[in-house]
PDB file of N, CA and C in Angstrom:
ATOM      1  N   MET A   1     -19.056  80.556 -68.834  1.00  0.00           N
ATOM      2  CA  MET A   1     -20.181  81.605 -69.317  1.00  0.00           C
ATOM      3  C   MET A   1     -20.936  81.597 -68.290  1.00  0.00           C
ATOM      4  N   GLY A   2     -21.561  80.951 -67.889  1.00  0.00           N
ATOM      5  CA  GLY A   2     -22.289  80.872 -66.773  1.00  0.00           C
ATOM      6  C   GLY A   2     -21.778  81.226 -65.581  1.00  0.00           C
ATOM      7  N   PHE A   3     -20.849  80.791 -65.235  1.00  0.00           N
ATOM      8  CA  PHE A   3     -20.067  80.893 -63.946  1.00  0.00           C
ATOM      9  C   PHE A   3     -19.996  82.606 -63.544  1.00  0.00           C
ATOM     10  N   ILE A   4     -19.107  83.000 -64.840  1.00  0.00           N
ATOM     11  CA  ILE A   4     -19.103  84.410 -64.852  1.00  0.00           C
ATOM     12  C   ILE A   4     -19.761  84.987 -64.297  1.00  0.00           C
ATOM     13  N   ILE A   5     -21.184  84.936 -65.079  1.00  0.00           N
ATOM     14  CA  ILE A   5     -22.094  85.983 -64.818  1.00  0.00           C
ATOM     15  C   ILE A   5     -22.872  85.765 -63.555  1.00  0.00           C
ATOM     16  N   MET A   6     -22.592  84.384 -62.945  1.00  0.00           N
ATOM     17  CA  MET A   6     -23.156  83.921 -61.582  1.00  0.00           C
ATOM     18  C   MET A   6     -22.428  85.287 -60.605  1.00  0.00           C
ATOM     19  N   VAL A   7     -21.070  84.891 -60.790  1.00  0.00           N
ATOM     20  CA  VAL A   7     -20.256  85.561 -59.841  1.00  0.00           C
ATOM     21  C   VAL A   7     -20.234  86.848 -59.998  1.00  0.00           C
ATOM     22  N   SER A   8     -20.569  87.783 -61.246  1.00  0.00           N
ATOM     23  CA  SER A   8     -20.167  89.195 -61.343  1.00  0.00           C
ATOM     24  C   SER A   8     -21.809  89.646 -60.731  1.00  0.00           C
ATOM     25  N   ALA A   9     -22.562  88.584 -61.060  1.00  0.00           N
ATOM     26  CA  ALA A   9     -24.283  89.328 -60.388  1.00  0.00           C
ATOM     27  C   ALA A   9     -24.108  89.311 -59.051  1.00  0.00           C
ATOM     28  N   ALA A  10     -23.337  88.040 -58.321  1.00  0.00           N
ATOM     29  CA  ALA A  10     -23.311  87.937 -56.935  1.00  0.00           C
ATOM     30  C   ALA A  10     -22.523  89.151 -56.456  1.00  0.00           C
ATOM     31  N   ILE A  11     -21.463  89.940 -57.056  1.00  0.00           N
ATOM     32  CA  ILE A  11     -20.620  90.917 -56.453  1.00  0.00           C
ATOM     33  C   ILE A  11     -20.958  92.009 -56.964  1.00  0.00           C
ATOM     34  N   ILE A  12     -21.747  92.054 -58.142  1.00  0.00           N
ATOM     35  CA  ILE A  12     -22.469  93.270 -57.937  1.00  0.00           C
ATOM     36  C   ILE A  12     -23.850  93.666 -56.997  1.00  0.00           C
ATOM     37  N   GLY A  13     -24.566  92.416 -57.430  1.00  0.00           N
ATOM     38  CA  GLY A  13     -25.453  92.716 -55.991  1.00  0.00           C
ATOM     39  C   GLY A  13     -25.204  92.503 -54.206  1.00  0.00           C
ATOM     40  N   ILE A  14     -23.755  92.718 -54.127  1.00  0.00           N
ATOM     41  CA  ILE A  14     -23.488  92.564 -52.883  1.00  0.00           C
ATOM     42  C   ILE A  14     -23.151  94.272 -52.918  1.00  0.00           C
ATOM     43  N   LEU A  15     -22.639  94.859 -53.573  1.00  0.00           N
ATOM     44  CA  LEU A  15     -22.102  95.984 -53.806  1.00  0.00           C
ATOM     45  C   LEU A  15     -23.381  97.050 -53.569  1.00  0.00           C
ATOM     46  N   LEU A  16     -24.057  96.937 -54.369  1.00  0.00           N
ATOM     47  CA  LEU A  16     -25.484  97.563 -54.714  1.00  0.00           C
ATOM     48  C   LEU A  16     -25.857  97.584 -53.250  1.00  0.00           C
ATOM     49  N   LEU A  17     -26.417  96.530 -52.673  1.00  0.00           N
ATOM     50  CA  LEU A  17     -26.566  95.996 -51.091  1.00  0.00           C
ATOM     51  C   LEU A  17     -25.826  97.181 -50.563  1.00  0.00           C
ATOM     52  N   VAL A  18     -24.837  97.207 -49.823  1.00  0.00           N
ATOM     53  CA  VAL A  18     -24.272  97.701 -48.910  1.00  0.00           C
ATOM     54  C   VAL A  18     -24.000  98.950 -49.015  1.00  0.00           C
ATOM     55  N   ALA A  19     -23.876  99.666 -50.777  1.00  0.00           N
ATOM     56  CA  ALA A  19     -24.254 101.017 -50.573  1.00  0.00           C
ATOM     57  C   ALA A  19     -25.574 101.536 -50.523  1.00  0.00           C
ATOM     58  N   GLY A  20     -26.437 100.617 -50.669  1.00  0.00           N
ATOM     59  CA  GLY A  20     -27.758 100.979 -50.279  1.00  0.00           C
ATOM     60  C   GLY A  20     -28.519 101.014 -48.891  1.00  0.00           C
ATOM     61  N   ILE A  21     -27.716 100.011 -48.245  1.00  0.00           N
ATOM     62  CA  ILE A  21     -27.944 100.308 -46.619  1.00  0.00           C
ATOM     63  C   ILE A  21     -27.330 101.737 -46.210  1.00  0.00           C
ATOM     64  N   LYS A  22     -25.983 101.817 -46.636  1.00  0.00           N
ATOM     65  CA  LYS A  22     -25.148 102.237 -45.705  1.00  0.00           C
ATOM     66  C   LYS A  22     -25.639 103.868 -46.190  1.00  0.00           C
ATOM     67  N   ASN A  23     -26.422 104.440 -47.253  1.00  0.00           N
ATOM     68  CA  ASN A  23     -26.599 105.535 -47.982  1.00  0.00           C
ATOM     69  C   ASN A  23     -28.706 105.842 -47.738  1.00  0.00           C
ATOM     70  N   VAL A  24     -29.320 104.682 -47.193  1.00  0.00           N
ATOM     71  CA  VAL A  24     -30.640 104.558 -47.268  1.00  0.00           C
ATOM     72  C   VAL A  24     -31.752 105.803 -46.911  1.00  0.00           C
ATOM     73  N   LYS A  25     -31.049 106.704 -45.937  1.00  0.00           N
ATOM     74  CA  LYS A  25     -31.640 107.973 -45.717  1.00  0.00           C
ATOM     75  C   LYS A  25     -31.666 108.922 -46.661  1.00  0.00           C
ATOM     76  N   GLU A  26     -30.343 109.067 -47.282  1.00  0.00           N
ATOM     77  CA  GLU A  26     -30.005 110.207 -48.127  1.00  0.00           C
ATOM     78  C   GLU A  26     -31.158 110.727 -49.167  1.00  0.00           C
ATOM     79  N   ASN A  27     -31.797 109.662 -49.862  1.00  0.00           N
ATOM     80  CA  ASN A  27     -32.088 109.330 -50.875  1.00  0.00           C
ATOM     81  C   ASN A  27     -33.316 108.027 -51.470  1.00  0.00           C
ATOM     82  N   TRP A  28     -34.347 108.511 -52.359  1.00  0.00           N
ATOM     83  CA  TRP A  28     -34.857 107.520 -52.350  1.00  0.00           C
ATOM     84  C   TRP A  28     -34.310 106.603 -53.477  1.00  0.00           C
ATOM     85  N   LEU A  29     -33.332 106.908 -54.363  1.00  0.00           N
ATOM     86  CA  LEU A  29     -32.560 105.661 -55.158  1.00  0.00           C
ATOM     87  C   LEU A  29     -31.437 104.878 -54.533  1.00  0.00           C
ATOM     88  N   TRP A  30     -31.202 105.379 -53.323  1.00  0.00           N
ATOM     89  CA  TRP A  30     -30.501 104.532 -52.793  1.00  0.00           C
ATOM     90  C   TRP A  30     -31.614 103.360 -52.200  1.00  0.00           C
ATOM     91  N   SER A  31     -32.656 103.533 -51.937  1.00  0.00           N
ATOM     92  CA  SER A  31     -33.862 102.294 -51.820  1.00  0.00           C
ATOM     93  C   SER A  31     -33.966 101.618 -53.141  1.00  0.00           C
ATOM     94  N   LEU A  32     -33.765 102.100 -54.187  1.00  0.00           N
ATOM     95  CA  LEU A  32     -34.070 101.296 -55.507  1.00  0.00           C
ATOM     96  C   LEU A  32     -32.647 100.423 -55.151  1.00  0.00           C
ATOM     97  N   SER A  33     -31.651 100.798 -55.156  1.00  0.00           N
ATOM     98  CA  SER A  33     -30.535 100.192 -55.177  1.00  0.00           C
ATOM     99  C   SER A  33     -30.442  98.532 -54.410  1.00  0.00           C
ATOM    100  N   ILE A  34     -30.906  98.575 -53.259  1.00  0.00           N
ATOM    101  CA  ILE A  34     -31.345  98.018 -52.280  1.00  0.00           C
ATOM    102  C   ILE A  34     -32.237  96.880 -53.141  1.00  0.00           C
ATOM    103  N   ILE A  35     -33.155  97.178 -53.743  1.00  0.00           N
ATOM    104  CA  ILE A  35     -33.888  96.296 -54.204  1.00  0.00           C
ATOM    105  C   ILE A  35     -33.213  95.519 -55.630  1.00  0.00           C
ATOM    106  N   ILE A  36     -32.283  96.604 -56.480  1.00  0.00           N
ATOM    107  CA  ILE A  36     -31.492  95.787 -57.455  1.00  0.00           C
ATOM    108  C   ILE A  36     -30.786  94.925 -56.575  1.00  0.00           C
ATOM    109  N   GLY A  37     -30.434  95.192 -55.619  1.00  0.00           N
ATOM    110  CA  GLY A  37     -29.103  94.158 -55.336  1.00  0.00           C
ATOM    111  C   GLY A  37     -29.588  92.788 -54.932  1.00  0.00           C
ATOM    112  N   ILE A  38     -30.446  93.102 -54.000  1.00  0.00           N
ATOM    113  CA  ILE A  38     -31.270  91.397 -53.879  1.00  0.00           C
ATOM    114  C   ILE A  38     -31.833  91.147 -54.646  1.00  0.00           C
ATOM    115  N   THR A  39     -32.398  91.500 -56.010  1.00  0.00           N
ATOM    116  CA  THR A  39     -32.686  91.009 -56.900  1.00  0.00           C
ATOM    117  C   THR A  39     -31.348  90.058 -58.197  1.00  0.00           C
ATOM    118  N   CYS A  40     -30.228  90.927 -58.159  1.00  0.00           N
ATOM    119  CA  CYS A  40     -28.796  90.477 -58.760  1.00  0.00           C
ATOM    120  C   CYS A  40     -28.539  89.137 -57.659  1.00  0.00           C
ATOM    121  N   ILE A  41     -28.455  89.031 -56.871  1.00  0.00           N
ATOM    122  CA  ILE A  41     -28.271  88.235 -55.352  1.00  0.00           C
ATOM    123  C   ILE A  41     -29.053  87.311 -55.686  1.00  0.00           C
ATOM    124  N   GLY A  42     -30.251  87.219 -55.796  1.00  0.00           N
ATOM    125  CA  GLY A  42     -31.278  86.319 -56.044  1.00  0.00           C
ATOM    126  C   GLY A  42     -31.006  85.378 -57.094  1.00  0.00           C
ATOM    127  N   PHE A  43     -30.515  86.531 -58.620  1.00  0.00           N
ATOM    128  CA  PHE A  43     -30.454  85.659 -59.869  1.00  0.00           C
ATOM    129  C   PHE A  43     -29.101  85.042 -60.059  1.00  0.00           C
ATOM    130  N   ALA A  44     -28.296  85.280 -58.897  1.00  0.00           N
ATOM    131  CA  ALA A  44     -27.057  84.914 -58.877  1.00  0.00           C
ATOM    132  C   ALA A  44     -27.065  83.285 -58.131  1.00  0.00           C
ATOM    133  N   ILE A  45     -28.096  83.281 -57.047  1.00  0.00           N
ATOM    134  CA  ILE A  45     -28.425  82.163 -56.789  1.00  0.00           C
ATOM    135  C   ILE A  45     -29.160  81.204 -57.519  1.00  0.00           C
ATOM    136  N   PHE A  46     -30.050  81.752 -58.131  1.00  0.00           N
ATOM    137  CA  PHE A  46     -30.663  80.954 -59.150  1.00  0.00           C
ATOM    138  C   PHE A  46     -29.592  80.322 -60.168  1.00  0.00           C
ATOM    139  N   LEU A  47     -28.819  81.107 -60.664  1.00  0.00           N
ATOM    140  CA  LEU A  47     -27.877  80.386 -62.007  1.00  0.00           C
ATOM    141  C   LEU A  47     -27.171  79.264 -61.140  1.00  0.00           C
ATOM    142  N   GLY A  48     -26.365  79.825 -59.538  1.00  0.00           N
ATOM    143  CA  GLY A  48     -25.696  78.550 -58.595  1.00  0.00           C
ATOM    144  C   GLY A  48     -26.444  77.092 -58.843  1.00  0.00           C
ATOM    145  N   LEU A  49     -28.141  76.956 -58.714  1.00  0.00           N
ATOM    146  CA  LEU A  49     -28.686  75.747 -58.420  1.00  0.00           C
ATOM    147  C   LEU A  49     -28.670  74.857 -59.972  1.00  0.00           C
ATOM    148  N   PRO A  50     -28.465  73.422 -59.472  1.00  0.00           N
ATOM    149  CA  PRO A  50     -28.163  72.904 -60.451  1.00  0.00           C
ATOM    150  C   PRO A  50     -29.932  72.669 -60.977  1.00  0.00           C
ATOM    151  N   HIS A  51     -29.935  72.124 -62.440  1.00  0.00           N
ATOM    152  CA  HIS A  51     -31.120  72.771 -63.000  1.00  0.00           C
ATOM    153  C   HIS A  51     -31.584  71.028 -63.844  1.00  0.00           C
TER     154      HIS A  51
END
């Protein structure tokens, strides 16, 4: 279950990051998308670390 959450968080984070970087000049919501994407990627890395 944790592996599925880690992989889905990484995929969603990468998609949000790419979409946010691509459209950053259009609206402030894309900047928020970049922040959320980085947070999701960080969460996935945290879940991947041995505890």
